[in-house]
């Protein structure tokens, strides 16, 4: 293990700025890159055991990167001045578009979040609860009884249909087109997002060519939907997300462009539904293997209480973290992180999954135990499945209510069998981690 001290090139300052980097594991850069690309969670866990909770790697796509698995350092990073550390580069805007909130930084990012926040908080989310229940019941109509089936794909359909209805306010042929476009686009985009972007698409049948073809089809559908919403005689009374974005303006009176709205809606549709569905798939996988948890959940579902269900959701997010890292890019000449000084141009990545398994904050961290969250909130910056700071997921509250209602609805209408089968392994879909066997369960109608 080595610790590097380097000097940044002289800019406006009369003398160079001294930089102190965290230790680097004694592993060739090629091996570091291959390990992170093929198995991020495992690679980070192995290095943490050897180097501690902060270290430096040279990674494909992200380049020179400091990995953090310490809540105190994560807090420093997420609460830092956004002029000093900003959007990690590259990011999901490579597949979501330059108008996505993922692409924006600084003032532009703050202005966009102000427009996106109202539809996903407070009273607005309560209006969506009926949609979550209706979509769950519609999907569950054809679930087989007494035979194992995968819950992940049904959860993907529930969450996609729910966000489509929340965004566009109604059903119809245009949404049928989006149901055909979004799932394969999300699957492909999730895998390509963690790979270097080629200079060209290499033809219509290449992965990048197929992604571009899905995007063209998506843009055509969104264009027609925007036209239809703007022509609606009741446009001023509509409260769906698309109508709210079309009606909203920035402080200077300007509004979002059609392209930016398309990019932002794609961000909501793609990034939101996959991660929520993956967490729900893990929830069914976990509770079917813990009879005491399942029994308490089932009893609570017949009431209006949700304290235990919320604890279960928090524990699923901790023990089976779907998105395993969140990061920032150093834009200042240097950035102080704990005892270290990180130079401009470095990325700093918080290893969320590793943080969620720290023994300092979570006793026996591999044990699935929702009781650890009963009557108390998770430790600040030790449990951050939605990221932290100014770039925390704007749809976090929406996703949490959706998971709560979907679980409650299933438990009210079905009895889930318990199993002593081994835990399902983790499968990487590129960005998100899902149950390898799809979160298989056996159910019976109540």
Protein backbone atom coordinates (compact mmCIF):
# COMPACT_ATOMS: atom_id res chain seq x y z
CA UNK A 1 0.00 0.00 0.00
CA UNK A 2 1.45 3.36 -0.99
CA UNK A 3 0.53 6.94 -0.23
CA UNK A 4 1.10 9.52 -2.92
CA UNK A 5 2.12 13.15 -2.53
CA UNK A 6 2.05 15.05 -5.80
CA UNK A 7 2.14 18.63 -7.00
CA UNK A 8 -0.49 20.15 -9.25
CA UNK A 9 0.57 22.29 -12.21
CA UNK A 10 0.99 25.97 -11.37
CA UNK A 11 -1.96 28.11 -12.47
CA UNK A 12 -2.68 31.58 -11.09
CA UNK A 13 -1.03 30.91 -7.73
CA UNK A 14 2.65 31.85 -7.43
CA UNK A 15 3.58 28.49 -5.92
CA UNK A 16 2.35 24.92 -6.59
CA UNK A 17 -0.35 23.50 -4.32
CA UNK A 18 0.65 20.41 -2.33
CA UNK A 19 -1.72 17.47 -2.69
CA UNK A 20 -2.09 14.45 -0.42
CA UNK A 21 -3.94 11.48 -1.84
CA UNK A 22 -5.37 8.49 0.01
CA UNK A 23 -3.42 5.22 -0.29
CA UNK A 24 -3.42 3.22 -3.50
CA UNK A 25 -3.76 -0.59 -3.34
CA UNK A 26 -0.64 -2.49 -4.50
CA UNK A 27 -2.47 -3.83 -7.55
CA UNK A 28 -1.65 -3.04 -11.21
CA UNK A 29 -3.93 -0.43 -12.77
CA UNK A 30 -5.20 -2.91 -15.33
CA UNK A 31 -6.36 -5.26 -12.57
CA UNK A 32 -7.93 -2.36 -10.66
CA UNK A 33 -9.90 -1.36 -13.76
CA UNK A 34 -10.97 -4.88 -14.66
CA UNK A 35 -12.09 -5.61 -11.11
CA UNK A 36 -14.14 -2.43 -10.84
CA UNK A 37 -15.70 -2.92 -14.27
CA UNK A 38 -16.68 -6.56 -13.81
CA UNK A 39 -17.54 -6.62 -10.08
CA UNK A 40 -17.63 -3.19 -8.41
CA UNK A 41 -19.04 -4.28 -5.05
CA UNK A 42 -16.68 -7.20 -4.59
CA UNK A 43 -13.62 -5.21 -5.69
CA UNK A 44 -14.37 -2.29 -3.37
CA UNK A 45 -15.04 -4.65 -0.44
CA UNK A 46 -11.71 -6.42 -0.94
CA UNK A 47 -9.75 -3.17 -1.11
CA UNK A 48 -11.52 -1.73 1.96
CA UNK A 49 -10.33 -4.76 3.94
CA UNK A 50 -6.73 -4.01 2.94
CA UNK A 51 -6.58 -0.22 2.63
CA UNK A 52 -9.33 1.10 4.88
CA UNK A 53 -12.32 3.32 4.15
CA UNK A 54 -10.69 5.70 1.68
CA UNK A 55 -8.30 4.89 -1.17
CA UNK A 56 -7.31 5.92 -4.69
CA UNK A 57 -7.86 3.97 -7.91
CA UNK A 58 -7.28 4.50 -11.62
CA UNK A 59 -10.55 3.48 -13.27
CA UNK A 60 -11.90 3.09 -16.79
CA UNK A 61 -14.41 5.81 -17.73
CA UNK A 62 -13.91 7.79 -14.47
CA UNK A 63 -10.10 8.02 -14.52
CA UNK A 64 -8.33 9.04 -11.30
CA UNK A 65 -10.80 8.33 -8.52
CA UNK A 66 -10.90 8.45 -4.73
CA UNK A 67 -13.25 5.83 -3.24
CA UNK A 68 -14.91 6.70 0.09
CA UNK A 69 -16.66 4.28 2.48
CA UNK A 70 -16.75 6.49 5.58
CA UNK A 71 -19.95 8.41 6.54
CA UNK A 72 -17.97 11.37 7.92
CA UNK A 73 -16.10 11.79 4.65
CA UNK A 74 -19.29 11.23 2.66
CA UNK A 75 -20.90 14.08 4.62
CA UNK A 76 -17.95 16.36 3.82
CA UNK A 77 -18.32 15.56 0.14
CA UNK A 78 -22.10 15.84 -0.12
CA UNK A 79 -22.26 19.07 1.93
CA UNK A 80 -19.38 20.75 0.10
CA UNK A 81 -19.69 23.92 -1.95
CA UNK A 82 -21.06 22.95 -5.36
CA UNK A 83 -18.52 25.27 -6.98
CA UNK A 84 -15.73 23.11 -5.55
CA UNK A 85 -17.16 19.66 -6.30
CA UNK A 86 -19.90 19.07 -8.84
CA UNK A 87 -21.44 16.52 -11.12
CA UNK A 88 -19.32 13.40 -11.53
CA UNK A 89 -17.91 12.98 -15.02
CA UNK A 90 -19.00 11.10 -17.02
CA UNK A 91 -22.56 10.48 -15.78
CA UNK A 92 -25.92 9.12 -16.92
CA UNK A 93 -26.52 12.11 -19.16
CA UNK A 94 -24.53 10.17 -21.77
CA UNK A 95 -27.62 8.03 -22.30
CA UNK A 96 -30.37 10.27 -20.88
CA UNK A 97 -29.49 13.42 -22.81
CA UNK A 98 -27.91 16.83 -22.19
CA UNK A 99 -31.23 18.22 -20.89
CA UNK A 100 -31.41 15.70 -18.05
CA UNK A 101 -30.86 16.87 -14.48
CA UNK A 102 -27.92 14.43 -14.48
CA UNK A 103 -26.18 16.65 -17.02
CA UNK A 104 -26.57 19.93 -15.13
CA UNK A 105 -24.33 21.51 -12.55
CA UNK A 106 -24.17 24.55 -10.31
CA UNK A 107 -26.86 27.18 -10.87
CA UNK A 108 -28.44 25.30 -13.77
CA UNK A 109 -28.86 22.22 -11.58
CA UNK A 110 -30.42 24.19 -8.71
CA UNK A 111 -32.88 25.92 -11.06
CA UNK A 112 -33.95 22.63 -12.63
CA UNK A 113 -34.47 20.90 -9.27
CA UNK A 114 -36.81 23.71 -8.21
CA UNK A 115 -39.02 22.86 -11.19
CA UNK A 116 -38.87 19.10 -10.60
CA UNK A 117 -39.41 19.05 -6.84
CA UNK A 118 -43.13 20.03 -6.52
CA UNK A 119 -44.61 17.02 -8.40
CA UNK A 120 -42.66 14.57 -6.22
CA UNK A 121 -43.35 15.78 -2.71
CA UNK A 122 -46.12 16.15 -0.17
CA UNK A 123 -49.67 16.43 -1.45
CA UNK A 124 -48.69 15.55 -5.02
CA UNK A 125 -47.42 12.10 -3.99
CA UNK A 126 -50.55 11.36 -1.99
CA UNK A 127 -52.49 11.85 -5.21
CA UNK A 128 -50.51 8.98 -6.76
CA UNK A 129 -51.29 6.40 -4.05
CA UNK A 130 -54.42 5.18 -5.85
CA UNK A 131 -52.36 4.72 -9.03
CA UNK A 132 -49.82 2.56 -7.19
CA UNK A 133 -52.58 0.34 -5.80
CA UNK A 134 -54.47 0.09 -9.10
CA UNK A 135 -51.35 -0.88 -11.06
CA UNK A 136 -50.39 -3.51 -8.47
CA UNK A 137 -53.84 -5.11 -8.58
CA UNK A 138 -53.92 -5.03 -12.38
CA UNK A 139 -50.53 -6.72 -12.65
CA UNK A 140 -51.34 -9.29 -9.93
CA UNK A 141 -54.49 -10.54 -11.67
CA UNK A 142 -52.49 -13.13 -13.61
CA UNK A 143 -50.02 -14.20 -10.95
CA UNK A 144 -49.85 -18.00 -10.66
CA UNK A 145 -50.81 -19.64 -7.39
CA UNK A 146 -48.72 -22.35 -5.79
CA UNK A 147 -45.83 -22.19 -8.28
CA UNK A 148 -42.68 -20.06 -8.11
CA UNK A 149 -42.50 -16.97 -10.32
CA UNK A 150 -40.16 -14.01 -10.63
CA UNK A 151 -41.38 -10.80 -9.04
CA UNK A 152 -38.80 -8.51 -10.66
CA UNK A 153 -40.44 -8.27 -14.08
CA UNK A 154 -43.95 -7.69 -12.64
CA UNK A 155 -42.47 -5.00 -10.41
CA UNK A 156 -40.84 -3.43 -13.49
CA UNK A 157 -44.24 -3.24 -15.18
CA UNK A 158 -45.97 -1.87 -12.07
CA UNK A 159 -43.41 0.87 -11.52
CA UNK A 160 -43.25 1.79 -15.22
CA UNK A 161 -47.03 2.01 -15.53
CA UNK A 162 -47.24 4.03 -12.32
CA UNK A 163 -44.64 6.59 -13.39
CA UNK A 164 -46.19 6.81 -16.87
CA UNK A 165 -49.58 7.64 -15.38
CA UNK A 166 -48.07 10.09 -12.89
CA UNK A 167 -46.09 11.83 -15.62
CA UNK A 168 -48.77 11.93 -18.31
CA UNK A 169 -51.96 11.85 -16.27
CA UNK A 170 -53.83 9.26 -18.32
CA UNK A 171 -53.51 6.09 -20.35
CA UNK A 172 -53.68 5.71 -24.11
CA UNK A 173 -51.98 4.55 -27.30
CA UNK A 174 -49.02 6.88 -26.83
CA UNK A 175 -48.27 5.30 -23.46
CA UNK A 176 -48.54 1.85 -25.04
CA UNK A 177 -45.75 2.91 -27.38
CA UNK A 178 -43.63 4.06 -24.43
CA UNK A 179 -44.24 0.73 -22.67
CA UNK A 180 -42.68 -0.98 -25.68
CA UNK A 181 -39.76 1.45 -25.96
CA UNK A 182 -38.71 2.12 -22.35
CA UNK A 183 -37.98 -1.42 -20.98
CA UNK A 184 -35.48 -2.48 -23.69
CA UNK A 185 -34.00 1.02 -23.71
CA UNK A 186 -33.47 0.92 -19.92
CA UNK A 187 -31.87 -2.54 -20.07
CA UNK A 188 -29.50 -1.53 -22.86
CA UNK A 189 -28.78 1.96 -21.52
CA UNK A 190 -28.02 0.62 -18.03
CA UNK A 191 -25.35 -1.66 -19.45
CA UNK A 192 -23.81 0.95 -21.76
CA UNK A 193 -23.77 3.70 -19.12
CA UNK A 194 -20.81 2.11 -17.31
CA UNK A 195 -18.77 1.59 -20.50
CA UNK A 196 -16.65 4.11 -22.44
CA UNK A 197 -18.64 5.99 -25.07
CA UNK A 198 -17.39 5.32 -28.61
CA UNK A 199 -16.76 8.15 -31.06
CA UNK A 200 -19.51 6.79 -33.31
CA UNK A 201 -22.36 4.28 -33.06
CA UNK A 202 -20.88 1.69 -35.50
CA UNK A 203 -24.15 1.15 -37.32
CA UNK A 204 -27.79 0.59 -36.52
CA UNK A 205 -27.24 -2.95 -35.20
CA UNK A 206 -24.51 -2.01 -32.72
CA UNK A 207 -25.55 -1.43 -29.07
CA UNK A 208 -25.08 2.34 -29.41
CA UNK A 209 -26.92 2.35 -32.72
CA UNK A 210 -29.86 0.50 -31.17
CA UNK A 211 -29.87 2.94 -28.24
CA UNK A 212 -30.02 5.87 -30.68
CA UNK A 213 -32.89 4.21 -32.54
CA UNK A 214 -34.88 3.79 -29.31
CA UNK A 215 -34.23 7.45 -28.52
CA UNK A 216 -35.54 8.63 -31.90
CA UNK A 217 -38.74 6.64 -31.39
CA UNK A 218 -39.07 8.03 -27.87
CA UNK A 219 -38.63 11.62 -29.06
CA UNK A 220 -41.36 11.17 -31.67
CA UNK A 221 -43.83 9.88 -29.05
CA UNK A 222 -42.97 12.61 -26.53
CA UNK A 223 -43.40 15.27 -29.20
CA UNK A 224 -46.91 14.04 -29.93
CA UNK A 225 -47.73 13.86 -26.20
CA UNK A 226 -46.55 17.43 -25.61
CA UNK A 227 -48.71 18.64 -28.50
CA UNK A 228 -51.73 16.79 -27.10
CA UNK A 229 -51.27 18.14 -23.58
CA UNK A 230 -50.81 21.73 -24.75
CA UNK A 231 -53.96 21.44 -26.88
CA UNK A 232 -56.03 20.11 -23.98
CA UNK A 233 -58.86 22.58 -23.16
CA UNK A 234 -58.34 21.68 -19.48
CA UNK A 235 -54.59 22.24 -19.63
CA UNK A 236 -54.61 24.83 -16.82
CA UNK A 237 -56.30 22.37 -14.45
CA UNK A 238 -54.03 19.40 -15.17
CA UNK A 239 -51.68 18.29 -12.37
CA UNK A 240 -49.67 15.54 -14.07
CA UNK A 241 -45.90 15.97 -14.23
CA UNK A 242 -45.77 16.79 -17.95
CA UNK A 243 -48.39 19.52 -17.61
CA UNK A 244 -46.64 20.95 -14.54
CA UNK A 245 -43.31 21.07 -16.40
CA UNK A 246 -44.94 22.73 -19.41
CA UNK A 247 -46.55 25.35 -17.17
CA UNK A 248 -43.55 25.98 -14.90
CA UNK A 249 -41.02 28.75 -15.43
CA UNK A 250 -37.63 29.71 -14.06
CA UNK A 251 -37.09 32.85 -11.99
CA UNK A 252 -36.45 34.90 -15.14
CA UNK A 253 -39.74 33.80 -16.70
CA UNK A 254 -38.19 31.39 -19.21
CA UNK A 255 -39.41 27.80 -19.52
CA UNK A 256 -37.86 24.43 -20.31
CA UNK A 257 -37.35 23.61 -23.98
CA UNK A 258 -39.17 20.66 -25.52
CA UNK A 259 -35.85 18.83 -25.80
CA UNK A 260 -35.05 19.41 -22.13
CA UNK A 261 -38.52 18.24 -21.12
CA UNK A 262 -38.03 15.09 -23.20
CA UNK A 263 -34.66 14.42 -21.55
CA UNK A 264 -36.07 15.04 -18.09
CA UNK A 265 -39.09 12.81 -18.62
CA UNK A 266 -36.80 10.06 -19.90
CA UNK A 267 -34.75 10.45 -16.72
CA UNK A 268 -37.87 10.04 -14.58
CA UNK A 269 -39.18 7.09 -16.60
CA UNK A 270 -35.89 5.22 -16.92
CA UNK A 271 -33.95 5.94 -13.75
CA UNK A 272 -36.98 5.90 -11.47
CA UNK A 273 -38.82 2.76 -12.42
CA UNK A 274 -35.87 0.34 -12.64
CA UNK A 275 -34.37 1.14 -9.23
CA UNK A 276 -37.73 1.04 -7.45
CA UNK A 277 -38.64 -2.27 -9.10
CA UNK A 278 -35.26 -3.75 -8.19
CA UNK A 279 -35.73 -2.80 -4.53
CA UNK A 280 -39.20 -4.37 -4.53
CA UNK A 281 -37.80 -7.54 -6.11
CA UNK A 282 -35.23 -7.71 -3.32
CA UNK A 283 -37.96 -7.06 -0.74
CA UNK A 284 -39.89 -10.16 -1.84
CA UNK A 285 -36.68 -12.19 -1.95
CA UNK A 286 -35.79 -11.14 1.61
CA UNK A 287 -39.16 -11.42 3.36
CA UNK A 288 -39.88 -14.87 1.88
CA UNK A 289 -36.73 -16.09 3.68
CA UNK A 290 -37.59 -14.50 7.03
CA UNK A 291 -40.88 -15.94 8.38
CA UNK A 292 -41.01 -13.66 11.43
CA UNK A 293 -40.61 -10.54 9.28
CA UNK A 294 -43.21 -11.77 6.78
CA UNK A 295 -45.74 -12.60 9.52
CA UNK A 296 -45.43 -9.17 11.10
CA UNK A 297 -45.70 -7.46 7.70
CA UNK A 298 -48.83 -9.43 6.84
CA UNK A 299 -50.48 -8.54 10.15
CA UNK A 300 -49.65 -4.86 9.73
CA UNK A 301 -50.96 -4.78 6.14
CA UNK A 302 -54.51 -5.27 7.45
CA UNK A 303 -54.19 -2.02 9.41
CA UNK A 304 -53.48 1.56 8.40
CA UNK A 305 -50.09 1.46 10.10
CA UNK A 306 -46.87 1.23 8.10
CA UNK A 307 -44.10 1.66 10.70
CA UNK A 308 -42.79 -1.88 10.33
CA UNK A 309 -43.16 -1.83 6.53
CA UNK A 310 -41.06 1.32 6.40
CA UNK A 311 -38.41 -0.35 8.56
CA UNK A 312 -38.39 -3.33 6.18
CA UNK A 313 -37.93 -1.05 3.17
CA UNK A 314 -35.02 0.73 4.86
CA UNK A 315 -33.39 -2.60 5.72
CA UNK A 316 -33.84 -3.94 2.17
CA UNK A 317 -32.21 -0.78 0.82
CA UNK A 318 -29.34 -1.26 3.26
CA UNK A 319 -28.62 -4.95 2.90
CA UNK A 320 -29.35 -5.15 -0.86
CA UNK A 321 -28.28 -1.74 -2.13
CA UNK A 322 -29.48 -1.34 -5.73
CA UNK A 323 -27.28 1.62 -6.75
CA UNK A 324 -23.89 1.09 -5.21
CA UNK A 325 -22.16 4.44 -5.66
CA UNK A 326 -22.68 8.19 -5.93
CA UNK A 327 -19.95 10.65 -6.71
CA UNK A 328 -18.67 14.13 -7.40
CA UNK A 329 -15.95 15.67 -9.58
CA UNK A 330 -13.35 18.08 -8.21
CA UNK A 331 -13.56 21.41 -10.04
CA UNK A 332 -11.66 23.58 -7.52
CA UNK A 333 -7.84 23.62 -7.72
CA UNK A 334 -8.01 21.15 -4.82
CA UNK A 335 -10.54 19.81 -2.33
CA UNK A 336 -9.90 18.93 1.32
CA UNK A 337 -11.42 15.58 2.31
CA UNK A 338 -10.59 14.64 5.88
CA UNK A 339 -6.82 14.54 6.16
CA UNK A 340 -6.39 14.40 2.40
CA UNK A 341 -6.20 17.04 -0.32
CA UNK A 342 -7.63 15.89 -3.65
CA UNK A 343 -6.49 17.71 -6.82
CA UNK A 344 -8.64 19.18 -9.57
CA UNK A 345 -9.80 16.64 -12.15
CA UNK A 346 -10.21 13.73 -9.74
CA UNK A 347 -13.53 12.01 -9.12
CA UNK A 348 -14.64 11.13 -5.59
CA UNK A 349 -17.01 8.16 -5.34
CA UNK A 350 -18.96 7.16 -2.23
CA UNK A 351 -19.31 3.37 -2.06
CA UNK A 352 -22.91 3.20 -0.83
CA UNK A 353 -23.16 -0.57 -0.51
CA UNK A 354 -19.92 -0.73 1.48
CA UNK A 355 -21.12 2.06 3.78
CA UNK A 356 -24.37 0.18 4.39
CA UNK A 357 -22.39 -2.77 5.75
CA UNK A 358 -20.17 -0.96 8.23
CA UNK A 359 -20.09 -2.64 11.64
CA UNK A 360 -19.56 0.74 13.30
CA UNK A 361 -23.10 1.82 12.39
CA UNK A 362 -24.86 -1.52 11.81
CA UNK A 363 -24.19 -4.40 14.19
CA UNK A 364 -24.02 -7.77 12.41
CA UNK A 365 -24.43 -5.94 9.08
CA UNK A 366 -25.06 -9.04 6.95
CA UNK A 367 -28.12 -9.96 9.02
CA UNK A 368 -31.51 -8.90 7.64
CA UNK A 369 -33.07 -7.18 10.65
CA UNK A 370 -35.72 -4.46 10.14
CA UNK A 371 -35.90 -3.98 13.92
CA UNK A 372 -32.73 -1.89 13.70
CA UNK A 373 -34.86 0.88 12.12
CA UNK A 374 -37.92 0.69 14.36
CA UNK A 375 -38.40 3.89 16.32
CA UNK A 376 -35.29 5.50 14.91
CA UNK A 377 -34.10 6.93 11.64
CA UNK A 378 -31.01 5.53 9.91
CA UNK A 379 -27.70 7.14 10.89
CA UNK A 380 -27.18 10.30 8.85
CA UNK A 381 -24.90 9.68 5.84
CA UNK A 382 -24.43 6.03 6.84
CA UNK A 383 -27.68 4.96 5.12
CA UNK A 384 -28.03 6.83 1.82
CA UNK A 385 -29.62 4.62 -0.87
CA UNK A 386 -30.79 7.74 -2.75
CA UNK A 387 -27.45 9.54 -2.59
CA UNK A 388 -26.91 12.72 -0.61
CA UNK A 389 -26.60 16.47 -0.73
CA UNK A 390 -27.88 18.66 -3.54
CA UNK A 391 -27.87 15.72 -5.98
CA UNK A 392 -29.97 13.38 -3.84
CA UNK A 393 -32.56 11.60 -6.00
CA UNK A 394 -35.43 14.01 -6.66
CA UNK A 395 -37.88 11.10 -6.79
CA UNK A 396 -36.87 9.55 -3.44
CA UNK A 397 -40.16 10.35 -1.68
CA UNK A 398 -42.17 9.15 -4.69
CA UNK A 399 -40.26 5.85 -4.75
CA UNK A 400 -40.64 5.32 -1.01
CA UNK A 401 -44.42 5.78 -1.06
CA UNK A 402 -44.70 3.58 -4.14
CA UNK A 403 -42.78 0.73 -2.50
CA UNK A 404 -44.89 1.07 0.63
CA UNK A 405 -48.21 0.91 -1.26
CA UNK A 406 -47.13 -1.94 -3.56
CA UNK A 407 -46.01 -4.09 -0.61
CA UNK A 408 -49.17 -3.33 1.34
CA UNK A 409 -51.39 -4.17 -1.63
CA UNK A 410 -49.67 -7.50 -2.31
CA UNK A 411 -49.82 -8.51 1.35
CA UNK A 412 -53.50 -7.61 1.59
CA UNK A 413 -54.42 -9.84 -1.35
CA UNK A 414 -51.88 -12.67 -1.22
CA UNK A 415 -50.23 -15.04 1.24
CA UNK A 416 -46.54 -15.39 0.45
CA UNK A 417 -44.94 -18.76 1.18
CA UNK A 418 -41.73 -18.79 3.16
CA UNK A 419 -38.71 -20.70 1.90
CA UNK A 420 -35.43 -22.00 3.24
CA UNK A 421 -33.77 -21.72 -0.18
CA UNK A 422 -30.37 -20.02 -0.28
CA UNK A 423 -30.40 -16.27 -0.76
CA UNK A 424 -30.45 -15.17 -4.38
CA UNK A 425 -27.14 -13.89 -5.68
CA UNK A 426 -26.72 -10.35 -6.88
CA UNK A 427 -26.92 -9.64 -10.61
CA UNK A 428 -25.52 -6.47 -12.18
CA UNK A 429 -27.67 -4.86 -14.87
CA UNK A 430 -24.93 -2.28 -15.45
CA UNK A 431 -26.09 0.52 -13.18
CA UNK A 432 -28.51 -1.32 -10.88
CA UNK A 433 -28.15 -4.57 -8.93
CA UNK A 434 -31.09 -7.00 -8.94
CA UNK A 435 -31.82 -10.52 -7.60
CA UNK A 436 -30.17 -12.96 -10.00
CA UNK A 437 -33.22 -15.25 -10.11
CA UNK A 438 -35.66 -12.35 -10.24
CA UNK A 439 -36.88 -12.42 -6.65
CA UNK A 440 -38.84 -15.67 -6.97
CA UNK A 441 -41.76 -16.31 -4.62
CA UNK A 442 -44.80 -18.58 -4.29
CA UNK A 443 -48.14 -16.93 -3.50
CA UNK A 444 -51.76 -17.88 -2.78
CA UNK A 445 -54.74 -15.55 -3.01
CA UNK A 446 -56.29 -14.65 0.31
